[in-house]
Amino acid sequence: MAASLEELEQHLSHLRTELRGAVRARDRAETARIRRALREAEAAWEHALESEAGPDDEALLTEPPAPQASATTGAPRRKERPTHGSIPIREQVHQALSLLGAPASPKLISSTYEAFFTESLVATRLASLRRDEERSFTAQGYARPYYICAALTHDRLVPARGLLALSTWPVERRIIGPLSPRADFLTHAVGTAEQIQRLTAAGHPAPDAAWRLLRRFALTIPGAYDAAAPEPDPARVIAAAHAEAAVHQQEDDQQRQGAAQRARTQLADVQQLFGAAPMRDALRDASGTLS
């Protein structure tokens, strides 16, 4: 059975993590092997995207050249977000969110990326990233493989304050209901523990910062932390997080699914990713000022 786009994206994220470890370890043979696997996975991702789009959607799969000026003002278009180090900031955020597995704040995204990867990610630089992504999606649609988008409140379907998500996640996964913050926290803990397990299995010791991040999660999950142990046990953290999540999962899932169904029937594609405009913004757009 062919892998889904989401499975392939997770595999790509895993391979990139392995590649970083191999480069740090100066293992040329392993680095070459992982690079080949990355190329194969990227080709499989492109094929899966084409299959999902269908034969009539070829235009969606080709990113058009960026126009030199705005169609309405003639002003030059804004450039891509700057690169920090060697990796664009949106790719840094994508890697951190893929690892965490649920909507997260800029601070947690920054802490997670810096815990597992070599570059730093300054949280304050994420302030305008979602708006830049929304402008890009509005102009080009699904031309990019993914967008950094918004988590949505379950009641009003507006952007949840301070939370970023991935466009490749289903709407249900991006909805924030009354029980979702804790459920997502547990998902973050599982994602962090699983990443440490993957690094260990690949023969690459997890950085100290990754263990500190896992400890922060484990300390607030009943049964996840043994104070006598030098470091949290990732398997124990995962088991404890799953046990707690099961308590509220059914109710949380129902709230998310109900809100997601409303989003699909009431919102356009761009609104499903970036949220419906709050009433305050709608009034400003309609009159130019607030009444």
Protein backbone atom coordinates (compact mmCIF):
# COMPACT_ATOMS: atom_id res chain seq x y z
CA MET A 1 0.00 0.00 0.00
CA ALA A 2 1.42 3.39 -1.00
CA ALA A 3 2.35 5.73 1.83
CA SER A 4 0.21 8.83 2.39
CA LEU A 5 1.54 12.36 2.01
CA GLU A 6 1.54 12.75 5.79
CA GLU A 7 3.51 9.52 6.27
CA LEU A 8 6.01 10.58 3.61
CA GLU A 9 6.44 13.99 5.26
CA GLN A 10 7.12 12.33 8.60
CA HIS A 11 9.62 10.03 6.88
CA LEU A 12 11.34 13.03 5.28
CA SER A 13 11.58 14.76 8.66
CA HIS A 14 13.07 11.60 10.17
CA LEU A 15 15.63 11.30 7.38
CA ARG A 16 16.67 14.94 7.78
CA THR A 17 17.24 14.32 11.48
CA GLU A 18 19.35 11.26 10.70
CA LEU A 19 21.32 13.25 8.13
CA ARG A 20 22.20 15.91 10.68
CA GLY A 21 23.41 13.24 13.07
CA ALA A 22 25.52 11.58 10.41
CA VAL A 23 27.08 14.90 9.40
CA ARG A 24 27.88 15.75 13.02
CA ALA A 25 29.43 12.28 13.44
CA ARG A 26 31.56 12.79 10.27
CA ASP A 27 30.21 9.48 8.95
CA ARG A 28 30.61 9.87 5.19
CA ALA A 29 29.14 6.49 4.23
CA GLU A 30 26.03 7.02 6.36
CA THR A 31 25.67 10.59 5.10
CA ALA A 32 25.75 9.38 1.49
CA ARG A 33 23.21 6.62 2.23
CA ILE A 34 20.78 9.02 3.91
CA ARG A 35 21.11 11.55 1.09
CA ARG A 36 20.12 8.84 -1.40
CA ALA A 37 17.16 7.89 0.79
CA LEU A 38 16.15 11.56 1.00
CA ARG A 39 16.14 11.91 -2.79
CA GLU A 40 14.01 8.77 -3.12
CA ALA A 41 11.59 9.97 -0.43
CA GLU A 42 11.29 13.40 -2.04
CA ALA A 43 10.51 11.78 -5.40
CA ALA A 44 7.87 9.60 -3.72
CA TRP A 45 6.37 12.70 -2.08
CA GLU A 46 6.14 14.49 -5.44
CA HIS A 47 4.48 11.42 -6.99
CA ALA A 48 1.98 11.19 -4.12
CA LEU A 49 1.16 14.89 -4.46
CA GLU A 50 0.53 14.50 -8.19
CA SER A 51 -1.70 11.47 -7.53
CA GLU A 52 -3.70 13.39 -4.94
CA ALA A 53 -4.13 16.45 -7.16
CA GLY A 54 -5.33 14.49 -10.18
CA PRO A 55 -4.72 15.01 -13.90
CA ASP A 56 -6.82 18.18 -14.14
CA ASP A 57 -4.86 20.08 -11.47
CA GLU A 58 -1.44 20.31 -13.09
CA ALA A 59 -1.43 24.08 -12.64
CA LEU A 60 -1.57 23.65 -8.89
CA LEU A 61 1.64 21.62 -8.89
CA THR A 62 3.77 24.19 -10.66
CA GLU A 63 4.67 27.30 -8.70
CA PRO A 64 4.27 30.32 -11.02
CA PRO A 65 7.09 32.84 -11.24
CA ALA A 66 6.71 35.59 -8.67
CA PRO A 67 5.42 38.80 -10.26
CA GLN A 68 7.71 41.78 -10.00
CA ALA A 69 5.03 44.16 -8.83
CA SER A 70 1.72 44.13 -7.03
CA ALA A 71 -1.28 43.99 -9.37
CA THR A 72 -3.06 46.68 -7.36
CA THR A 73 -0.35 49.08 -6.28
CA GLY A 74 2.58 48.45 -8.60
CA ALA A 75 4.80 48.16 -5.53
CA PRO A 76 7.50 45.47 -5.42
CA ARG A 77 6.40 42.23 -3.77
CA ARG A 78 7.81 41.39 -0.37
CA LYS A 79 10.73 39.00 -0.46
CA GLU A 80 10.70 35.56 1.13
CA ARG A 81 11.31 35.45 4.84
CA PRO A 82 15.05 35.73 5.47
CA THR A 83 17.15 32.68 6.06
CA HIS A 84 18.67 32.12 9.49
CA GLY A 85 21.89 30.24 8.93
CA SER A 86 21.42 27.77 6.08
CA ILE A 87 17.74 26.86 6.50
CA PRO A 88 14.75 29.16 5.81
CA ILE A 89 12.79 29.95 8.94
CA ARG A 90 9.58 28.40 7.56
CA GLU A 91 11.45 25.11 7.07
CA GLN A 92 12.75 25.32 10.64
CA VAL A 93 9.19 25.78 11.90
CA HIS A 94 7.97 22.92 9.69
CA GLN A 95 10.56 20.55 11.13
CA ALA A 96 9.75 21.50 14.73
CA LEU A 97 5.98 21.21 14.25
CA SER A 98 6.37 17.87 12.43
CA LEU A 99 8.28 16.59 15.44
CA LEU A 100 5.78 17.96 17.99
CA GLY A 101 2.75 16.70 16.07
CA ALA A 102 0.25 19.36 17.24
CA PRO A 103 -0.21 23.15 17.19
CA ALA A 104 2.39 24.93 19.29
CA SER A 105 3.50 28.38 20.42
CA PRO A 106 6.49 30.15 18.89
CA LYS A 107 8.41 29.70 22.15
CA LEU A 108 7.92 25.92 22.17
CA ILE A 109 8.67 25.69 18.44
CA SER A 110 11.92 27.58 19.02
CA SER A 111 12.88 25.46 22.05
CA THR A 112 12.15 22.24 20.19
CA TYR A 113 14.09 23.17 17.09
CA GLU A 114 17.10 24.31 19.07
CA ALA A 115 16.96 21.14 21.19
CA PHE A 116 17.27 18.78 18.23
CA PHE A 117 18.92 20.73 15.41
CA THR A 118 22.13 22.66 14.98
CA GLU A 119 20.79 26.12 14.09
CA SER A 120 19.00 28.48 16.45
CA LEU A 121 15.45 29.69 15.84
CA VAL A 122 14.55 33.07 17.31
CA ALA A 123 10.91 32.96 18.45
CA THR A 124 10.37 36.69 17.90
CA ARG A 125 11.08 36.21 14.18
CA LEU A 126 7.86 34.15 13.89
CA ALA A 127 5.60 37.11 14.62
CA SER A 128 4.79 37.85 10.99
CA LEU A 129 5.48 34.42 9.47
CA ARG A 130 1.84 33.28 9.51
CA ARG A 131 0.71 36.49 7.82
CA ASP A 132 3.39 36.06 5.15
CA GLU A 133 2.21 32.50 4.59
CA GLU A 134 -1.42 33.60 4.29
CA ARG A 135 -0.48 36.18 1.67
CA SER A 136 1.44 33.55 -0.27
CA PHE A 137 -1.46 31.08 -0.14
CA THR A 138 -3.95 33.75 -1.20
CA ALA A 139 -1.78 34.59 -4.21
CA GLN A 140 -0.70 31.09 -5.25
CA GLY A 141 -3.02 28.54 -3.66
CA TYR A 142 -1.54 25.11 -3.06
CA ALA A 143 1.63 25.83 -5.03
CA ARG A 144 3.85 24.98 -2.06
CA PRO A 145 4.08 21.54 -0.41
CA TYR A 146 3.01 23.03 2.92
CA TYR A 147 2.19 26.31 4.65
CA ILE A 148 2.70 27.45 8.23
CA CYS A 149 -0.88 28.24 9.17
CA ALA A 150 -3.11 28.79 12.19
CA ALA A 151 -4.77 26.65 14.79
CA LEU A 152 -8.49 27.48 14.93
CA THR A 153 -10.76 28.03 17.92
CA HIS A 154 -13.53 25.44 18.11
CA ASP A 155 -16.35 27.94 18.62
CA ARG A 156 -15.61 30.89 16.30
CA LEU A 157 -13.16 29.23 13.88
CA VAL A 158 -10.81 32.21 14.18
CA PRO A 159 -7.04 31.90 14.67
CA ALA A 160 -6.16 30.60 18.13
CA ARG A 161 -3.94 33.22 19.70
CA GLY A 162 -0.25 32.41 19.57
CA LEU A 163 -0.48 28.93 18.03
CA LEU A 164 0.99 27.79 14.71
CA ALA A 165 0.16 24.63 12.77
CA LEU A 166 0.84 22.91 9.45
CA SER A 167 -1.47 23.06 6.44
CA THR A 168 -0.86 19.35 5.76
CA TRP A 169 -2.63 18.43 9.01
CA PRO A 170 -6.39 17.77 8.77
CA VAL A 171 -8.65 20.48 10.17
CA GLU A 172 -9.47 18.32 13.21
CA ARG A 173 -5.84 18.34 14.22
CA ARG A 174 -5.71 22.14 14.08
CA ILE A 175 -8.88 22.79 16.09
CA ILE A 176 -8.43 24.00 19.68
CA GLY A 177 -11.31 23.05 21.98
CA PRO A 178 -11.60 23.29 25.77
CA LEU A 179 -9.63 20.07 26.30
CA SER A 180 -7.24 20.48 23.37
CA PRO A 181 -4.41 22.41 25.08
CA ARG A 182 -3.74 19.51 27.44
CA ALA A 183 -4.25 16.91 24.71
CA ASP A 184 -1.79 18.75 22.48
CA PHE A 185 0.69 19.06 25.35
CA LEU A 186 0.63 15.28 25.69
CA THR A 187 1.10 14.93 21.93
CA HIS A 188 4.13 17.23 22.17
CA ALA A 189 5.57 15.05 24.92
CA VAL A 190 5.11 11.90 22.84
CA GLY A 191 6.67 13.51 19.77
CA THR A 192 9.69 14.64 21.77
CA ALA A 193 10.16 11.23 23.37
CA GLU A 194 9.82 9.44 20.04
CA GLN A 195 12.43 11.70 18.44
CA ILE A 196 14.89 10.87 21.22
CA GLN A 197 14.16 7.18 20.67
CA ARG A 198 14.83 7.53 16.93
CA LEU A 199 18.13 9.28 17.54
CA THR A 200 19.18 6.65 20.06
CA ALA A 201 18.22 3.80 17.74
CA ALA A 202 20.26 5.40 14.96
CA GLY A 203 23.31 5.57 17.22
CA HIS A 204 23.19 9.36 17.69
CA PRO A 205 22.92 10.45 21.34
CA ALA A 206 20.21 13.05 21.86
CA PRO A 207 21.52 16.53 22.77
CA ASP A 208 21.34 17.61 26.40
CA ALA A 209 18.77 20.24 25.42
CA ALA A 210 16.47 17.50 24.09
CA TRP A 211 16.62 15.67 27.41
CA ARG A 212 15.86 18.91 29.24
CA LEU A 213 12.85 19.47 27.01
CA LEU A 214 11.59 15.93 27.65
CA ARG A 215 12.07 16.42 31.40
CA ARG A 216 9.92 19.55 31.31
CA PHE A 217 7.12 17.52 29.74
CA ALA A 218 7.56 14.50 32.00
CA LEU A 219 7.43 16.50 35.24
CA THR A 220 3.78 17.45 34.61
CA ILE A 221 2.52 14.05 33.42
CA PRO A 222 1.51 11.62 36.20
CA GLY A 223 3.72 8.55 36.22
CA ALA A 224 6.06 9.83 33.51
CA TYR A 225 9.07 10.79 35.62
CA ASP A 226 11.27 8.82 37.98
CA ALA A 227 13.17 11.29 40.15
CA ALA A 228 15.82 8.64 40.88
CA ALA A 229 16.71 8.25 37.20
CA PRO A 230 19.33 10.57 35.65
CA GLU A 231 17.12 11.22 32.62
CA PRO A 232 13.46 10.57 31.80
CA ASP A 233 12.73 7.23 30.14
CA PRO A 234 11.19 8.08 26.72
CA ALA A 235 9.13 4.88 26.69
CA ARG A 236 7.75 5.67 30.13
CA VAL A 237 6.87 9.22 29.08
CA ILE A 238 5.06 7.92 26.00
CA ALA A 239 3.08 5.35 27.99
CA ALA A 240 2.11 7.88 30.68
CA ALA A 241 1.09 10.48 28.10
CA HIS A 242 -1.08 7.97 26.22
CA ALA A 243 -2.70 6.87 29.49
CA GLU A 244 -3.66 10.42 30.44
CA ALA A 245 -4.76 11.32 26.90
CA ALA A 246 -7.18 8.40 26.84
CA VAL A 247 -9.17 9.94 29.71
CA HIS A 248 -10.38 12.92 27.68
CA GLN A 249 -9.75 11.76 24.13
CA GLN A 250 -13.33 10.89 23.19
CA GLU A 251 -14.78 14.22 24.32
CA ASP A 252 -11.93 16.21 22.79
CA ASP A 253 -12.22 14.31 19.50
CA GLN A 254 -15.97 14.97 19.33
CA GLN A 255 -15.48 18.70 19.88
CA ARG A 256 -12.74 18.89 17.26
CA GLN A 257 -14.67 16.85 14.70
CA GLY A 258 -17.81 18.94 15.13
CA ALA A 259 -15.86 22.17 14.68
CA ALA A 260 -13.95 20.73 11.71
CA GLN A 261 -17.20 19.81 9.98
CA ARG A 262 -18.46 23.38 10.41
CA ALA A 263 -15.17 24.71 9.07
CA ARG A 264 -15.38 22.56 5.93
CA THR A 265 -18.95 23.63 5.18
CA GLN A 266 -18.69 27.32 6.16
CA LEU A 267 -15.15 28.41 5.30
CA ALA A 268 -13.21 28.84 2.08
CA ASP A 269 -9.87 27.04 1.75
CA VAL A 270 -7.83 30.04 2.89
CA GLN A 271 -10.07 30.46 5.94
CA GLN A 272 -9.77 26.77 6.83
CA LEU A 273 -6.01 27.27 7.02
CA PHE A 274 -5.76 30.77 8.46
CA GLY A 275 -9.10 31.25 10.18
CA ALA A 276 -12.22 33.28 9.61
CA ALA A 277 -11.80 37.02 10.10
CA PRO A 278 -12.90 38.06 13.60
CA MET A 279 -15.87 40.44 13.69
CA ARG A 280 -13.58 43.32 14.67
CA ASP A 281 -11.53 42.82 11.50
CA ALA A 282 -14.66 42.40 9.38
CA LEU A 283 -15.99 45.77 10.62
CA ARG A 284 -12.64 47.42 9.84
CA ASP A 285 -12.58 45.93 6.35
CA ALA A 286 -16.14 47.05 5.65
CA SER A 287 -15.85 50.65 6.83
CA GLY A 288 -12.14 51.41 6.98
CA THR A 289 -12.55 52.26 10.67
CA LEU A 290 -14.03 50.66 13.75
CA SER A 291 -17.57 51.74 14.58
